[in-house]
Amino acid sequence: MRVAADVSALELADYQKAARLVLRYPLITSSYPDSSALPLVRRWVRQLRTDFGEILGYTILGSGDTIRLRRVQDTLDGTHPAVTRVRRPFDRRRYAYLVLALSALGRSGAQIALSELAGEVAADAGRIDGVGMDTDRKPDRDAFVDAVAWLEARGALKMADGSAVEWVNDPERAEALYDIDREAVGAIYAPSRVLQHLSSVTELLDGPGGLAGGTALAQGREARRRGNARRARRLVLEHPAVYYADVDSELRGQLRSAGLAEDIERLTGLGLERRAEGVALISAGQRFTDVPFPSTGTVAQAALLLCARIAGYLRHRSAKIERLPAATAAERLGLLAEETLLAGQAGRPGIGDAGTSSGSAEQDDGAESAYPFLSEVWLRTELRKLVDDFGAGMAEKQAADPGHLLAEAVRLLASMGLVAKVDGGVLVLPMLARYRSVTAQIKNPPPVTC
């Protein structure tokens, strides 16, 4: 089957823009991510539904003014959290309040007052060990309003009157009233599994370790090949870089196929870059990812400059640097599952036990890839040098705390597939070499005084 089979050459760029929008924003409403998105995607929704289902195994649900992408989950991924309007990741409390707010909105009518919604969430939270919500405590009100603002941004709620900020600061005197878009509320939370029926967090997955694990084997060789082709395409679309050393031989063959590159490039309009170590989908000037890199901001700029320092160090000291193997995909899945289990045992929201992974994402050819290891001490030293050299162009608060800035920069690089965090430091992954020639200078440097 050819991707975008019924799309003319003149309209292909328009179709690809719609495909990128759906991949970047799994929920599209009349106002989210902006007013132009829904008409564009709705125009192409029939072809998108066909292509996404055939080559990715994804489902596109559409009704009225809402379009929802339901992905297939191959692995646990903690690198794309919900964020507040000031880009701070949600903690567990905010996630809990978000889900409880959705539940309360599902029972509500056309409008709801913020204090009424807070009361319902607080009542439900009080019945859950380790959650709780006290509207007399400002930190709890802040967390609750962050969840409400997340829903408002996506069009599930629309401010009709009042101010949420004023309510947070003075709930006795202030109030806010919201119109409820029940269609959007229903689209945001549309689980494919009933959580009460799951005994392990890995059963949330559709691939190895999840409920669908092993079904391809039962259906025969052709079904297995087709399933692996879809999974390979999903890997390329959902991850900044895919390394051959991180997948089994069947997925490796699919990643190297000409058909995969043709399908992905025709669907998205983006180029697939191939290297000896793996593949990466390169977005040059197109809006595709929620975490662009390189990017603006102190953390992103510090991370980019750190890449250049790392690459320069490896170029001159490569023979003397210790090399260590990185965790396989199956090992990372086990670690994330174990972390979720421990969180649940600590009285916070979690699902069952860690479960087991089939391990099909591990290397199966006996070859173990080793990567350069850089210690935390080395990283801290280099980050301090960067702050000394470029601190005048960084946010003052972040430059004043190099330790926290380093942690944030390393977290960003790890989420981009440029490094892997290990005890005592990081492993440098091949994709980082793309940024070996980075140079920088401070715009409008401060005047020199004698």
Protein backbone atom coordinates (compact mmCIF):
# COMPACT_ATOMS: atom_id res chain seq x y z
CA MET A 1 0.00 0.00 0.00
CA ARG A 2 1.29 3.46 -0.92
CA VAL A 3 1.12 6.21 1.72
CA ALA A 4 -1.07 9.18 0.73
CA ALA A 5 -2.32 7.18 -2.25
CA ASP A 6 -5.14 9.59 -3.07
CA VAL A 7 -3.18 12.80 -2.47
CA SER A 8 -1.97 14.75 -5.49
CA ALA A 9 1.57 16.05 -5.74
CA LEU A 10 0.29 19.63 -5.42
CA GLU A 11 -1.51 18.84 -2.16
CA LEU A 12 1.07 16.52 -0.60
CA ALA A 13 2.75 19.23 1.51
CA ASP A 14 -0.63 20.19 2.95
CA TYR A 15 -1.38 16.56 3.80
CA GLN A 16 2.03 16.10 5.42
CA LYS A 17 1.47 19.18 7.58
CA ALA A 18 -1.78 17.62 8.80
CA ALA A 19 0.02 14.34 9.56
CA ARG A 20 2.68 16.15 11.57
CA LEU A 21 0.00 18.01 13.52
CA VAL A 22 -1.74 14.78 14.51
CA LEU A 23 1.54 13.18 15.58
CA ARG A 24 2.57 16.21 17.61
CA TYR A 25 -0.87 16.88 19.13
CA PRO A 26 -2.77 13.61 19.77
CA LEU A 27 -5.79 15.71 20.75
CA ILE A 28 -6.99 18.43 18.37
CA THR A 29 -9.99 20.62 19.17
CA SER A 30 -11.46 23.81 17.76
CA SER A 31 -9.03 25.83 19.89
CA TYR A 32 -6.09 23.45 20.47
CA PRO A 33 -3.34 23.72 19.41
CA ASP A 34 -4.79 26.68 17.49
CA SER A 35 -7.89 27.51 15.49
CA SER A 36 -6.33 26.49 12.14
CA ALA A 37 -5.40 22.91 13.11
CA LEU A 38 -8.85 21.29 13.20
CA PRO A 39 -10.02 22.42 9.71
CA LEU A 40 -6.74 21.24 8.17
CA VAL A 41 -6.74 17.83 9.83
CA ARG A 42 -10.47 17.33 9.27
CA ARG A 43 -9.93 17.86 5.55
CA TRP A 44 -7.49 14.94 5.42
CA VAL A 45 -8.85 12.78 8.23
CA ARG A 46 -10.06 9.93 6.00
CA GLN A 47 -6.68 9.49 4.30
CA LEU A 48 -4.87 9.98 7.60
CA ARG A 49 -7.01 7.33 9.27
CA THR A 50 -6.16 4.87 6.48
CA ASP A 51 -2.42 5.61 6.48
CA PHE A 52 -1.97 5.73 10.24
CA GLY A 53 -3.85 2.46 10.65
CA GLU A 54 -2.00 0.66 7.87
CA ILE A 55 1.62 1.70 8.45
CA LEU A 56 1.59 2.46 12.20
CA GLY A 57 -1.31 0.52 13.69
CA TYR A 58 -2.66 3.78 15.16
CA THR A 59 -6.34 4.74 15.35
CA ILE A 60 -7.73 8.20 14.65
CA LEU A 61 -11.04 8.93 16.37
CA GLY A 62 -13.05 11.90 15.17
CA SER A 63 -16.38 13.35 16.25
CA GLY A 64 -17.71 16.88 15.92
CA ASP A 65 -14.97 19.32 16.85
CA THR A 66 -12.55 16.78 18.28
CA ILE A 67 -9.92 14.54 16.68
CA ARG A 68 -8.03 12.07 18.86
CA LEU A 69 -5.01 9.92 17.96
CA ARG A 70 -4.84 6.66 19.87
CA ARG A 71 -1.30 5.39 19.75
CA VAL A 72 0.05 1.89 20.15
CA GLN A 73 2.35 1.83 23.19
CA ASP A 74 5.48 -0.26 22.65
CA THR A 75 7.38 0.88 25.74
CA LEU A 76 7.09 2.98 28.86
CA ASP A 77 8.31 6.52 28.26
CA GLY A 78 8.81 9.18 30.91
CA THR A 79 10.36 11.82 28.65
CA HIS A 80 7.15 13.61 27.58
CA PRO A 81 5.37 14.69 30.75
CA ALA A 82 2.38 16.98 30.95
CA VAL A 83 3.65 20.46 31.74
CA THR A 84 2.28 23.60 33.32
CA ARG A 85 1.97 26.87 31.44
CA VAL A 86 5.46 27.81 32.63
CA ARG A 87 6.77 24.48 31.25
CA ARG A 88 7.26 22.75 34.61
CA PRO A 89 6.61 18.97 34.45
CA PHE A 90 3.60 17.63 36.32
CA ASP A 91 4.34 15.75 39.51
CA ARG A 92 2.24 12.79 40.68
CA ARG A 93 -0.13 15.03 42.63
CA ARG A 94 -0.95 17.12 39.56
CA TYR A 95 -1.52 13.99 37.48
CA ALA A 96 -3.86 12.66 40.17
CA TYR A 97 -5.81 15.94 40.29
CA LEU A 98 -6.03 15.96 36.49
CA VAL A 99 -7.59 12.50 36.34
CA LEU A 100 -9.94 13.25 39.23
CA ALA A 101 -10.99 16.53 37.55
CA LEU A 102 -11.79 14.65 34.34
CA SER A 103 -13.90 12.21 36.35
CA ALA A 104 -15.79 15.06 38.02
CA LEU A 105 -16.32 16.88 34.72
CA GLY A 106 -17.75 13.70 33.22
CA ARG A 107 -20.48 13.82 35.88
CA SER A 108 -21.15 17.56 35.46
CA GLY A 109 -23.48 19.58 33.26
CA ALA A 110 -22.67 22.43 30.89
CA GLN A 111 -20.91 24.70 33.42
CA ILE A 112 -19.03 24.35 36.67
CA ALA A 113 -17.57 26.77 39.22
CA LEU A 114 -13.91 26.31 40.09
CA SER A 115 -14.69 25.98 43.79
CA GLU A 116 -17.32 23.32 43.02
CA LEU A 117 -14.87 21.35 40.88
CA ALA A 118 -12.22 21.71 43.61
CA GLY A 119 -14.68 20.37 46.18
CA GLU A 120 -15.45 17.28 44.08
CA VAL A 121 -11.76 16.60 43.40
CA ALA A 122 -10.92 17.06 47.09
CA ALA A 123 -13.67 14.63 48.10
CA ASP A 124 -12.42 11.97 45.66
CA ALA A 125 -8.75 12.60 46.52
CA GLY A 126 -9.52 12.11 50.20
CA ARG A 127 -10.59 8.54 49.48
CA ILE A 128 -7.23 7.67 47.88
CA ASP A 129 -4.27 6.82 50.13
CA GLY A 130 -1.32 9.09 49.51
CA VAL A 131 -3.20 11.70 47.44
CA GLY A 132 -5.58 13.95 49.40
CA MET A 133 -6.37 17.58 48.67
CA ASP A 134 -6.97 20.39 51.14
CA THR A 135 -8.35 23.55 49.50
CA ASP A 136 -7.19 25.53 52.55
CA ARG A 137 -3.57 24.80 51.51
CA LYS A 138 -2.22 27.04 48.74
CA PRO A 139 0.21 24.37 47.39
CA ASP A 140 -2.77 22.06 46.85
CA ARG A 141 -4.74 24.85 45.17
CA ASP A 142 -1.75 25.62 42.94
CA ALA A 143 -1.46 21.97 41.88
CA PHE A 144 -5.20 21.70 41.25
CA VAL A 145 -5.31 24.87 39.12
CA ASP A 146 -2.34 23.63 37.08
CA ALA A 147 -4.45 20.59 36.18
CA VAL A 148 -7.43 22.82 35.36
CA ALA A 149 -5.25 25.08 33.20
CA TRP A 150 -4.00 22.01 31.28
CA LEU A 151 -7.62 21.12 30.49
CA GLU A 152 -8.43 24.72 29.58
CA ALA A 153 -5.52 24.90 27.14
CA ARG A 154 -6.93 21.88 25.28
CA GLY A 155 -10.45 23.24 25.04
CA ALA A 156 -12.09 20.91 27.58
CA LEU A 157 -12.83 23.95 29.74
CA LYS A 158 -13.44 27.54 28.69
CA MET A 159 -13.36 30.45 31.13
CA ALA A 160 -16.79 32.11 31.25
CA ASP A 161 -16.21 34.47 34.18
CA GLY A 162 -13.83 35.20 37.03
CA SER A 163 -10.17 34.33 37.53
CA ALA A 164 -8.47 31.09 38.55
CA VAL A 165 -5.38 33.01 39.70
CA GLU A 166 -7.45 35.17 42.04
CA TRP A 167 -9.20 32.04 43.39
CA VAL A 168 -5.82 30.45 44.17
CA ASN A 169 -4.74 33.52 46.11
CA ASP A 170 -8.07 34.13 47.89
CA PRO A 171 -10.64 31.30 47.53
CA GLU A 172 -12.98 32.95 50.04
CA ARG A 173 -13.48 36.07 47.91
CA ALA A 174 -12.72 35.05 44.32
CA GLU A 175 -14.36 32.56 41.95
CA ALA A 176 -14.14 31.33 38.37
CA LEU A 177 -16.83 29.84 36.13
CA TYR A 178 -16.09 27.45 33.25
CA ASP A 179 -18.06 26.16 30.29
CA ILE A 180 -17.48 22.42 29.82
CA ASP A 181 -16.87 20.88 26.40
CA ARG A 182 -18.05 17.35 27.11
CA GLU A 183 -16.82 16.08 23.75
CA ALA A 184 -13.26 17.21 24.49
CA VAL A 185 -13.43 15.85 28.05
CA GLY A 186 -14.40 12.44 26.71
CA ALA A 187 -11.66 12.51 24.06
CA ILE A 188 -8.88 13.36 26.51
CA TYR A 189 -9.43 10.29 28.63
CA ALA A 190 -10.29 7.35 26.36
CA PRO A 191 -8.31 4.38 27.75
CA SER A 192 -7.96 1.24 25.66
CA ARG A 193 -7.73 -0.92 28.79
CA VAL A 194 -9.63 -1.10 32.06
CA LEU A 195 -7.02 -0.39 34.73
CA GLN A 196 -8.70 -2.63 37.29
CA HIS A 197 -8.02 -5.60 35.01
CA LEU A 198 -4.26 -5.00 34.85
CA SER A 199 -1.90 -6.76 37.24
CA SER A 200 1.31 -5.20 35.91
CA VAL A 201 2.31 -1.80 34.58
CA THR A 202 3.80 -3.52 31.50
CA GLU A 203 0.31 -4.74 30.60
CA LEU A 204 -0.40 -1.15 29.54
CA LEU A 205 1.82 -1.87 26.54
CA ASP A 206 0.72 -3.28 23.22
CA GLY A 207 4.06 -4.79 22.29
CA PRO A 208 6.46 -7.18 24.08
CA GLY A 209 5.54 -7.51 27.74
CA GLY A 210 2.02 -6.21 27.14
CA LEU A 211 -1.32 -7.78 26.33
CA ALA A 212 -0.49 -8.15 22.65
CA GLY A 213 2.88 -9.83 23.27
CA GLY A 214 3.25 -13.07 21.35
CA THR A 215 0.18 -12.64 19.12
CA ALA A 216 2.28 -12.06 16.03
CA LEU A 217 3.96 -15.46 16.51
CA ALA A 218 0.57 -17.14 16.68
CA GLN A 219 -0.60 -15.47 13.49
CA GLY A 220 2.36 -16.56 11.38
CA ARG A 221 5.42 -15.20 9.66
CA GLU A 222 3.66 -12.61 7.50
CA ALA A 223 1.82 -11.14 10.47
CA ARG A 224 5.09 -10.99 12.40
CA ARG A 225 6.85 -9.21 9.54
CA ARG A 226 3.96 -6.76 9.22
CA GLY A 227 3.96 -6.14 12.98
CA ASN A 228 7.71 -5.54 13.03
CA ALA A 229 7.44 -3.12 10.10
CA ARG A 230 4.83 -1.09 11.99
CA ARG A 231 6.87 -1.15 15.17
CA ALA A 232 9.99 0.03 13.31
CA ARG A 233 8.06 2.97 11.85
CA ARG A 234 6.70 3.82 15.30
CA LEU A 235 10.22 3.76 16.75
CA VAL A 236 11.43 6.22 14.12
CA LEU A 237 8.48 8.57 14.63
CA GLU A 238 8.37 8.46 18.43
CA HIS A 239 12.09 8.58 19.30
CA PRO A 240 14.76 11.16 18.41
CA ALA A 241 17.21 8.40 17.42
CA VAL A 242 16.96 4.63 17.03
CA TYR A 243 20.18 2.65 17.43
CA TYR A 244 20.61 -0.71 15.73
CA ALA A 245 22.34 -2.03 18.84
CA ASP A 246 19.15 -1.45 20.81
CA VAL A 247 16.83 -3.66 18.75
CA ASP A 248 16.64 -7.29 17.63
CA SER A 249 17.67 -8.50 14.17
CA GLU A 250 14.14 -8.42 12.72
CA LEU A 251 13.58 -4.79 13.72
CA ARG A 252 17.08 -3.95 12.52
CA GLY A 253 16.23 -5.29 9.09
CA GLN A 254 13.05 -3.23 8.98
CA LEU A 255 14.88 -0.07 10.04
CA ARG A 256 17.34 -0.55 7.19
CA SER A 257 14.66 -1.14 4.56
CA ALA A 258 14.08 1.36 1.77
CA GLY A 259 10.34 0.98 2.22
CA LEU A 260 10.43 2.36 5.77
CA ALA A 261 12.23 5.51 4.67
CA GLU A 262 9.84 6.01 1.76
CA ASP A 263 6.74 5.55 3.95
CA ILE A 264 7.92 7.85 6.73
CA GLU A 265 9.18 10.58 4.41
CA ARG A 266 6.00 10.54 2.34
CA LEU A 267 3.82 10.65 5.47
CA THR A 268 5.65 13.45 7.29
CA GLY A 269 7.69 15.31 4.67
CA LEU A 270 10.76 14.84 6.89
CA GLY A 271 14.04 13.21 5.88
CA LEU A 272 15.33 9.99 7.43
CA GLU A 273 19.03 10.23 8.21
CA ARG A 274 20.94 6.94 8.20
CA ARG A 275 24.25 6.31 9.92
CA ALA A 276 26.25 3.18 10.69
CA GLU A 277 24.82 3.14 14.24
CA GLY A 278 21.15 3.77 13.45
CA VAL A 279 18.55 6.15 12.04
CA ALA A 280 16.95 9.46 13.01
CA LEU A 281 14.12 11.51 11.55
CA ILE A 282 15.39 15.03 10.97
CA SER A 283 13.00 17.95 11.28
CA ALA A 284 14.63 20.92 9.59
CA GLY A 285 12.41 23.93 10.14
CA GLN A 286 9.18 21.92 10.41
CA ARG A 287 7.01 21.91 13.53
CA PHE A 288 7.02 18.25 14.53
CA THR A 289 8.35 17.67 18.02
CA ASP A 290 7.27 19.08 21.38
CA VAL A 291 10.92 19.23 22.50
CA PRO A 292 13.01 20.77 19.71
CA PHE A 293 16.80 20.53 19.91
CA PRO A 294 18.80 22.69 19.43
CA SER A 295 16.50 25.29 20.95
CA THR A 296 16.36 28.52 22.91
CA GLY A 297 16.52 28.84 26.67
CA THR A 298 19.37 28.41 29.12
CA VAL A 299 18.98 24.65 29.61
CA ALA A 300 18.84 23.87 25.88
CA GLN A 301 21.77 26.18 25.14
CA ALA A 302 23.86 24.75 27.98
CA ALA A 303 23.07 21.23 26.72
CA LEU A 304 24.16 22.14 23.18
CA LEU A 305 27.40 23.72 24.37
CA LEU A 306 28.03 20.68 26.55
CA CYS A 307 27.64 18.50 23.45
CA ALA A 308 30.43 20.44 21.75
CA ARG A 309 32.69 20.10 24.80
CA ILE A 310 32.01 16.36 25.02
CA ALA A 311 32.65 15.82 21.31
CA GLY A 312 35.92 17.79 21.46
CA TYR A 313 37.09 15.83 24.49
CA LEU A 314 36.31 12.49 22.83
CA ARG A 315 38.08 13.53 19.65
CA HIS A 316 41.35 14.16 21.49
CA ARG A 317 41.16 11.55 24.27
CA SER A 318 39.19 8.72 22.68
CA ALA A 319 41.82 6.01 23.19
CA LYS A 320 42.06 6.70 26.95
CA ILE A 321 38.34 6.90 27.75
CA GLU A 322 36.61 4.00 29.45
CA ARG A 323 33.79 2.39 27.47
CA LEU A 324 30.76 0.68 28.97
CA PRO A 325 27.65 -1.05 27.55
CA ALA A 326 24.36 0.81 27.68
CA ALA A 327 21.21 -0.75 29.08
CA THR A 328 19.12 -2.52 26.46
CA ALA A 329 15.55 -1.52 25.71
CA ALA A 330 14.30 -4.50 27.71
CA GLU A 331 16.42 -3.51 30.70
CA ARG A 332 15.16 0.07 30.55
CA LEU A 333 11.59 -1.21 30.41
CA GLY A 334 12.23 -3.33 33.49
CA LEU A 335 13.72 -0.37 35.36
CA LEU A 336 10.79 1.95 34.55
CA ALA A 337 8.33 -0.77 35.56
CA GLU A 338 10.18 -1.26 38.84
CA GLU A 339 10.15 2.48 39.54
CA THR A 340 6.39 2.55 38.98
CA LEU A 341 5.95 -0.41 41.31
CA LEU A 342 7.98 1.26 44.07
CA ALA A 343 5.92 4.44 43.69
CA GLY A 344 2.73 2.44 44.09
CA GLN A 345 4.04 0.62 47.16
CA ALA A 346 4.91 3.98 48.71
CA GLY A 347 1.21 4.90 48.73
CA ARG A 348 1.25 6.95 45.56
CA PRO A 349 -0.61 6.13 42.34
CA GLY A 350 0.87 3.01 40.73
CA ILE A 351 -0.26 -0.13 38.95
CA GLY A 352 0.33 -3.62 40.29
CA ASP A 353 3.70 -5.26 40.06
CA ALA A 354 6.52 -4.61 37.67
CA GLY A 355 5.67 -7.57 35.47
CA THR A 356 8.17 -9.15 33.13
CA SER A 357 9.42 -8.22 29.71
CA SER A 358 9.74 -10.68 26.89
CA GLY A 359 13.10 -9.13 26.08
CA SER A 360 12.47 -9.08 22.34
CA ALA A 361 13.96 -5.57 22.11
CA GLU A 362 17.35 -6.78 23.26
CA GLN A 363 20.31 -7.49 21.02
CA ASP A 364 20.17 -11.06 19.82
CA ASP A 365 23.43 -11.39 17.89
CA GLY A 366 25.78 -11.52 20.85
CA ALA A 367 27.40 -8.20 19.97
CA GLU A 368 27.55 -5.76 22.86
CA SER A 369 28.02 -2.11 22.00
CA ALA A 370 30.14 -0.07 24.39
CA TYR A 371 30.05 3.71 24.63
CA PRO A 372 32.42 6.33 26.09
CA PHE A 373 31.83 6.96 29.80
CA LEU A 374 32.16 10.48 31.23
CA SER A 375 32.03 10.96 34.98
CA GLU A 376 29.80 13.36 36.85
CA VAL A 377 32.93 15.15 38.08
CA TRP A 378 34.04 15.81 34.49
CA LEU A 379 30.58 17.02 33.52
CA ARG A 380 30.35 19.37 36.51
CA THR A 381 33.76 20.82 35.72
CA GLU A 382 32.88 21.46 32.08
CA LEU A 383 29.50 22.96 32.96
CA ARG A 384 31.16 25.41 35.36
CA LYS A 385 33.55 26.39 32.55
CA LEU A 386 30.58 27.00 30.28
CA VAL A 387 28.93 29.19 32.90
CA ASP A 388 32.18 31.14 33.28
CA ASP A 389 32.44 31.62 29.51
CA PHE A 390 28.79 32.17 28.60
CA GLY A 391 27.04 32.98 31.89
CA ALA A 392 26.34 36.53 30.77
CA GLY A 393 24.00 35.10 28.13
CA MET A 394 22.23 32.70 30.49
CA ALA A 395 19.32 33.21 32.84
CA GLU A 396 20.81 34.57 36.06
CA LYS A 397 19.00 32.15 38.37
CA GLN A 398 20.06 29.07 36.38
CA ALA A 399 23.64 30.23 35.91
CA ALA A 400 23.90 30.71 39.69
CA ASP A 401 23.09 27.01 40.28
CA PRO A 402 25.41 24.99 38.00
CA GLY A 403 24.50 21.70 39.69
CA HIS A 404 20.80 22.03 38.89
CA LEU A 405 21.56 23.37 35.41
CA LEU A 406 23.75 20.32 34.71
CA ALA A 407 21.02 17.94 35.88
CA GLU A 408 18.48 19.61 33.59
CA ALA A 409 20.89 19.67 30.64
CA VAL A 410 21.74 15.98 31.04
CA ARG A 411 18.06 15.10 31.36
CA LEU A 412 17.40 16.90 28.06
CA LEU A 413 20.31 15.17 26.31
CA ALA A 414 19.14 11.78 27.58
CA SER A 415 15.60 12.40 26.31
CA MET A 416 17.09 13.26 22.90
CA GLY A 417 19.03 9.98 22.71
CA LEU A 418 22.39 11.80 22.84
CA VAL A 419 23.56 10.35 26.17
CA ALA A 420 22.45 7.57 28.51
CA LYS A 421 22.46 8.25 32.23
CA VAL A 422 24.29 5.68 34.36
CA ASP A 423 25.56 5.59 37.92
CA GLY A 424 28.29 8.20 38.33
CA GLY A 425 27.96 9.84 34.93
CA VAL A 426 26.75 9.33 31.37
CA LEU A 427 27.48 7.20 28.33
CA VAL A 428 27.96 9.21 25.15
CA LEU A 429 25.76 7.90 22.33
CA PRO A 430 26.63 8.27 18.61
CA MET A 431 23.95 10.86 17.78
CA LEU A 432 25.81 13.44 19.87
CA ALA A 433 28.48 13.67 17.16
CA ARG A 434 26.04 15.75 15.06
CA TYR A 435 26.84 18.69 17.34
CA ARG A 436 30.64 18.39 17.43
CA SER A 437 31.18 21.63 15.49
CA VAL A 438 28.95 23.90 17.57
CA THR A 439 30.32 27.37 18.23
CA ALA A 440 28.80 30.17 20.28
CA GLN A 441 29.29 33.77 21.26
CA ILE A 442 27.41 36.14 23.55
CA LYS A 443 25.34 38.77 21.76
CA ASN A 444 26.01 42.32 22.91
CA PRO A 445 28.70 41.38 25.45
CA PRO A 446 29.01 43.70 28.47
CA PRO A 447 31.42 46.61 27.94
CA VAL A 448 34.97 46.21 29.22
CA THR A 449 35.84 48.69 31.96
CA CYS A 450 39.36 49.72 32.89
